[in-house]
Protein backbone atom coordinates (compact mmCIF):
# COMPACT_ATOMS: atom_id res chain seq x y z
CA MET A 1 8.67 4.48 7.19
CA ALA A 2 9.38 6.82 4.27
CA GLY A 3 10.79 3.95 2.23
CA ARG A 4 7.74 1.82 3.01
CA THR A 5 5.43 4.62 1.92
CA CYS A 6 7.30 5.13 -1.36
CA THR A 7 7.20 1.39 -2.07
CA VAL A 8 3.45 1.31 -1.47
CA TRP A 9 3.03 4.30 -3.81
CA ALA A 10 5.10 2.50 -6.45
CA ILE A 11 2.84 -0.57 -6.22
CA TRP A 12 -0.22 1.65 -6.70
CA PHE A 13 1.45 3.27 -9.71
CA ILE A 14 2.60 0.09 -11.47
CA GLY A 15 -0.71 -1.61 -10.70
CA SER A 16 -2.64 1.06 -12.57
CA LEU A 17 -0.01 1.51 -15.30
CA GLY A 18 0.23 -2.20 -16.02
CA TYR A 19 -3.53 -2.65 -15.83
CA TYR A 20 -4.25 -0.11 -18.56
CA VAL A 21 -1.18 -0.84 -20.69
CA PHE A 22 -2.15 -4.50 -20.94
CA SER A 23 -5.78 -3.59 -21.58
CA LEU A 24 -5.22 -0.86 -24.17
CA GLY A 25 -2.28 -2.63 -25.79
CA SER A 26 -4.11 -5.91 -26.32
CA VAL A 27 -5.20 -4.80 -29.80
CA ASN A 28 -1.54 -4.63 -30.89
CA LEU A 29 -0.73 -8.26 -30.05
CA GLY A 30 -1.93 -9.74 -33.33
CA GLY A 31 -4.83 -12.07 -33.97
CA ASN A 32 -8.42 -11.02 -33.44
CA GLN A 33 -8.55 -7.68 -31.64
CA TYR A 34 -12.01 -8.31 -30.19
CA ILE A 35 -11.04 -11.69 -28.72
CA ASN A 36 -7.90 -10.14 -27.25
CA LEU A 37 -9.92 -7.39 -25.58
CA PHE A 38 -12.39 -9.95 -24.24
CA LEU A 39 -9.64 -12.13 -22.81
CA VAL A 40 -7.83 -9.22 -21.15
CA GLY A 41 -11.04 -8.39 -19.31
CA ALA A 42 -12.07 -11.97 -18.54
CA VAL A 43 -8.72 -12.78 -16.92
CA GLU A 44 -9.47 -10.33 -14.10
CA LEU A 45 -12.13 -12.57 -12.50
CA PRO A 46 -9.80 -15.49 -11.71
CA SER A 47 -7.02 -13.09 -10.75
CA TYR A 48 -9.11 -11.52 -7.98
CA MET A 49 -10.25 -14.93 -6.76
CA VAL A 50 -6.70 -16.27 -6.67
CA GLY A 51 -5.44 -13.08 -5.01
CA CYS A 52 -8.09 -13.24 -2.27
CA TYR A 53 -7.29 -16.88 -1.61
CA LEU A 54 -3.50 -16.54 -1.52
CA MET A 55 -3.30 -13.38 0.57
CA ASP A 56 -5.15 -15.14 3.42
CA ARG A 57 -3.09 -18.32 3.07
CA ILE A 58 0.51 -17.32 2.42
CA GLY A 59 0.39 -13.62 3.26
CA ARG A 60 0.11 -10.21 1.62
CA LYS A 61 3.78 -9.74 0.80
CA LYS A 62 4.21 -13.30 -0.48
CA THR A 63 1.28 -12.73 -2.83
CA CYS A 64 2.03 -9.20 -4.05
CA ALA A 65 5.78 -9.53 -4.65
CA PRO A 66 5.67 -12.76 -6.74
CA ALA A 67 2.74 -11.37 -8.74
CA LEU A 68 4.75 -8.29 -9.74
CA LEU A 69 7.84 -10.37 -10.48
CA LEU A 70 5.79 -12.73 -12.65
CA ALA A 71 4.32 -9.75 -14.55
CA GLY A 72 7.85 -8.46 -15.20
CA VAL A 73 9.06 -11.85 -16.44
CA ALA A 74 6.01 -12.24 -18.70
CA CYS A 75 6.70 -8.85 -20.30
CA MET A 76 10.35 -9.75 -20.88
CA LEU A 77 9.40 -13.05 -22.50
CA ILE A 78 7.00 -11.28 -24.89
CA ILE A 79 9.93 -9.24 -26.18
CA VAL A 80 12.19 -12.22 -26.95
CA LEU A 81 9.48 -14.27 -28.68
CA PRO A 82 9.49 -14.67 -32.45
CA ALA A 83 7.15 -12.16 -34.06
CA ASP A 84 5.08 -14.82 -35.85
CA ILE A 85 3.87 -16.64 -32.71
CA ASP A 86 0.81 -14.57 -31.88
CA ALA A 87 -0.85 -17.13 -29.60
CA LEU A 88 2.12 -17.30 -27.22
CA ALA A 89 2.44 -13.51 -27.12
CA ILE A 90 -1.26 -13.22 -26.24
CA ALA A 91 -0.90 -15.89 -23.52
CA LEU A 92 2.04 -14.08 -21.96
CA SER A 93 0.19 -10.78 -22.11
CA MET A 94 -2.78 -12.35 -20.33
CA THR A 95 -0.37 -13.74 -17.72
CA GLY A 96 1.00 -10.25 -17.18
CA LYS A 97 -2.48 -8.79 -16.82
CA PHE A 98 -3.44 -11.62 -14.46
CA SER A 99 -0.43 -10.94 -12.22
CA VAL A 100 -0.80 -7.15 -12.20
CA ALA A 101 -4.50 -7.46 -11.35
CA ILE A 102 -3.58 -9.58 -8.30
CA ALA A 103 -1.22 -6.89 -7.00
CA PHE A 104 -3.65 -4.11 -7.92
CA GLY A 105 -6.52 -5.73 -6.02
CA LEU A 106 -4.35 -6.49 -2.99
CA ILE A 107 -2.72 -3.09 -2.50
CA TYR A 108 -5.87 -1.49 -1.09
CA LEU A 109 -5.82 -3.80 1.92
CA TYR A 110 -2.03 -3.94 2.16
CA THR A 111 -1.77 -0.15 2.41
CA CYS A 112 -4.15 -0.03 5.37
CA GLU A 113 -2.28 -2.78 7.19
CA ALA A 114 1.28 -1.65 6.50
CA LEU A 115 0.87 1.97 7.63
CA PRO A 116 -0.26 3.30 11.03
CA ASN A 117 -3.50 4.95 11.98
CA HIS A 118 -2.14 8.16 13.49
CA HIS A 119 0.86 9.92 15.00
CA GLN A 120 1.19 9.32 18.73
CA VAL A 121 1.46 12.56 20.66
CA ARG A 122 3.60 12.02 23.75
CA THR A 123 4.04 14.20 26.79
CA ASP A 124 7.37 14.45 28.54
CA LYS A 125 7.89 13.44 32.15
CA LYS A 126 8.35 16.99 33.35
CA GLN A 127 4.87 17.94 32.21
CA LYS A 128 3.35 14.83 33.79
CA ALA A 129 5.01 15.62 37.12
CA GLY A 130 3.28 19.01 37.24
CA GLY A 131 -0.01 17.52 38.44
CA THR A 132 -3.42 19.00 38.15
CA GLY A 133 -2.51 22.05 40.15
CA ASP A 134 -0.02 23.32 37.57
CA ALA A 135 -1.98 25.39 35.06
CA PRO A 136 0.70 25.39 32.30
CA ALA A 137 1.05 21.62 32.60
CA ARG A 138 -2.73 21.15 32.37
CA PHE A 139 -2.90 23.40 29.33
CA SER A 140 -0.05 21.49 27.66
CA LEU A 141 -1.69 18.12 28.30
CA SER A 142 -5.05 19.39 27.07
CA PHE A 143 -3.47 20.83 23.92
CA ALA A 144 -1.60 17.57 23.25
CA SER A 145 -4.82 15.58 23.66
CA ARG A 146 -6.70 17.85 21.23
CA LEU A 147 -3.84 17.67 18.75
CA LYS A 148 -3.87 13.91 18.98
CA SER A 149 -7.62 13.82 18.40
CA ALA A 150 -7.32 16.12 15.37
CA SER A 151 -4.73 13.90 13.71
CA SER A 152 -6.01 10.52 14.91
CA ALA A 153 -7.56 9.50 11.60
CA SER A 154 -5.13 11.16 9.23
CA CYS A 155 -2.20 8.82 8.54
CA ARG A 156 -3.99 5.74 7.22
CA THR A 157 -6.53 7.85 5.37
CA LEU A 158 -3.80 9.91 3.75
CA ALA A 159 -1.91 6.72 2.87
CA VAL A 160 -4.84 5.27 0.92
CA GLY A 161 -5.72 8.67 -0.58
CA SER A 162 -2.18 9.43 -1.74
CA GLY A 163 -1.83 5.87 -3.04
CA SER A 164 -5.01 6.34 -5.04
CA MET A 165 -3.50 9.56 -6.40
CA MET A 166 -0.43 7.63 -7.60
CA CYS A 167 -2.82 5.15 -9.16
CA ARG A 168 -4.43 7.96 -11.19
CA VAL A 169 -0.99 9.12 -12.26
CA GLY A 170 -0.37 5.63 -13.64
CA SER A 171 -3.69 5.63 -15.47
CA VAL A 172 -2.87 9.02 -17.04
CA VAL A 173 0.59 7.85 -18.17
CA ALA A 174 -0.69 4.51 -19.54
CA PRO A 175 -2.20 5.78 -22.86
CA PHE A 176 0.99 7.66 -23.70
CA CYS A 177 2.96 4.52 -22.91
CA VAL A 178 0.76 2.54 -25.33
CA TYR A 179 1.46 5.12 -28.06
CA LEU A 180 5.15 4.19 -27.78
CA ALA A 181 4.29 1.05 -29.73
CA ASP A 182 4.66 3.24 -32.83
CA VAL A 183 8.36 3.51 -31.97
CA TRP A 184 8.73 -0.19 -31.16
CA VAL A 185 5.84 -2.60 -30.84
CA TYR A 186 7.18 -4.08 -27.59
CA LEU A 187 8.30 -0.85 -25.92
CA PRO A 188 5.20 -0.60 -23.65
CA GLN A 189 5.78 -4.15 -22.41
CA LEU A 190 9.44 -3.35 -21.81
CA ILE A 191 8.59 -0.32 -19.66
CA VAL A 192 5.95 -2.17 -17.63
CA GLY A 193 8.15 -5.25 -17.29
CA VAL A 194 11.19 -3.41 -15.95
CA LEU A 195 9.11 -1.34 -13.52
CA ALA A 196 7.06 -4.33 -12.31
CA PHE A 197 10.16 -6.45 -11.71
CA ALA A 198 11.98 -3.66 -9.84
CA ILE A 199 8.96 -2.82 -7.69
CA GLY A 200 8.42 -6.52 -7.03
CA LEU A 201 11.92 -6.69 -5.56
CA LEU A 202 11.20 -3.62 -3.41
CA THR A 203 7.99 -5.26 -2.19
CA LEU A 204 10.09 -8.01 -0.62
CA LEU A 205 11.36 -5.37 1.83
CA LEU A 206 7.85 -4.63 3.13
CA PRO A 207 6.67 -6.30 6.35
CA GLU A 208 4.20 -9.16 6.36
CA THR A 209 0.88 -8.08 7.86
CA LEU A 210 -1.08 -11.35 7.76
CA GLY A 211 -2.28 -12.15 11.27
CA GLN A 212 -0.87 -8.91 12.71
CA PRO A 213 -3.05 -6.34 14.53
CA LEU A 214 -3.56 -2.97 12.89
CA THR A 215 -0.95 -0.48 14.04
CA ASN A 216 -1.98 2.77 15.69
CA THR A 217 1.32 4.62 16.08
CA LEU A 218 4.48 5.11 14.07
CA GLU A 219 6.43 3.11 16.65
CA GLU A 220 4.13 0.12 16.24
CA ALA A 221 4.28 0.37 12.45
CA GLU A 222 8.08 0.50 12.45
CA ALA A 223 8.20 -2.56 14.69
CA LEU A 224 5.81 -4.43 12.39
CA GLY A 225 7.45 -7.48 10.87
CA GLY A 226 10.40 -7.31 13.26
CA LYS A 227 11.94 -10.38 14.84
CA SER A 228 10.93 -9.37 18.33
CA SER A 229 7.26 -8.88 19.12
CA ASN A 230 7.98 -7.79 22.69
CA LYS A 231 9.03 -4.36 21.48
CA CYS A 232 5.69 -3.72 19.86
CA SER A 233 3.84 -5.07 22.88
CA GLY A 234 5.80 -2.78 25.17
CA LEU A 235 5.09 0.24 22.99
CA CYS A 236 1.41 -0.60 22.86
CA GLY A 237 1.27 -0.82 26.64
CA LYS A 238 3.09 2.48 27.10
CA ASP A 239 0.81 4.23 24.62
CA GLU A 240 -2.30 2.93 26.36
CA GLU A 241 -0.99 3.96 29.79
CA ALA A 242 -0.13 7.45 28.51
CA ALA A 243 -3.58 7.87 26.98
CA MET A 244 -5.32 6.69 30.16
CA GLU A 245 -3.25 9.04 32.32
CA MET A 246 -4.04 11.99 30.05
CA ASN A 247 -7.76 11.20 30.18
CA GLN A 248 -7.71 10.93 33.98
CA GLN A 249 -5.88 14.23 34.36
CA GLU A 250 -8.33 15.99 32.02
CA ALA A 251 -11.28 14.52 33.91
CA THR A 252 -9.83 15.67 37.23
CA ALA A 253 -9.17 19.15 35.86
CA SER A 254 -12.72 19.41 34.51
CA ALA A 255 -14.21 18.26 37.81
CA GLY A 256 -12.21 20.84 39.76
CA LYS A 257 -13.16 23.74 37.51
CA PRO A 258 -15.93 25.91 39.03
CA GLU A 259 -19.10 26.20 37.00
CA ASP A 260 -20.32 29.62 35.81
């Protein structure tokens, strides 16, 4: 799960970094700077439309990973082009921006689907065997239920929030990366290309979430994308039974408590 989280953070980072490097660096590609800036913005509209179509047809991972790999290849090709072919360099830069925008628009949804909703608080069998007459057992079950309620909406929210933080880190780094064009005109594209290609390969390790139910616990999230779906189903059933049993025990304890 830690590796999945880091990969998702990396996609947020390269999505923002590539987005702004391609946008701010378009004036250094040659030709008309105003046309370049217009094209780098206009290419976003078809990229979002294509991304929305593909992620519901072939899947989230099969859309995000090829998009990042294509952005990396486009950046590499810009470097090896002859310096006097401005039109081809601009076309490849627009291809890179198109691909990065697909991944950038998709990662919001992919983060929510790839990571669980909350940590599942479990009670051991010894505590369950105590029954409603055992005061320490009742207190432990009640505390576990309150702890579960307090953290029930934290994991997925923190995943999107921390991913957005990594996105802002990429947007802060992007202008300094563009300034590296003074060292070598293609150095920004080299940095974005290498990172996009490497993160695209890491994205292939993420599970496919198309058609899968949203996960609620860490166990369900870890089983996501596995070969056997019975494991996830069994975990879901156990979690539901544990939650129902805890609710029944709390209700019984509340009913048996004398009123003031």
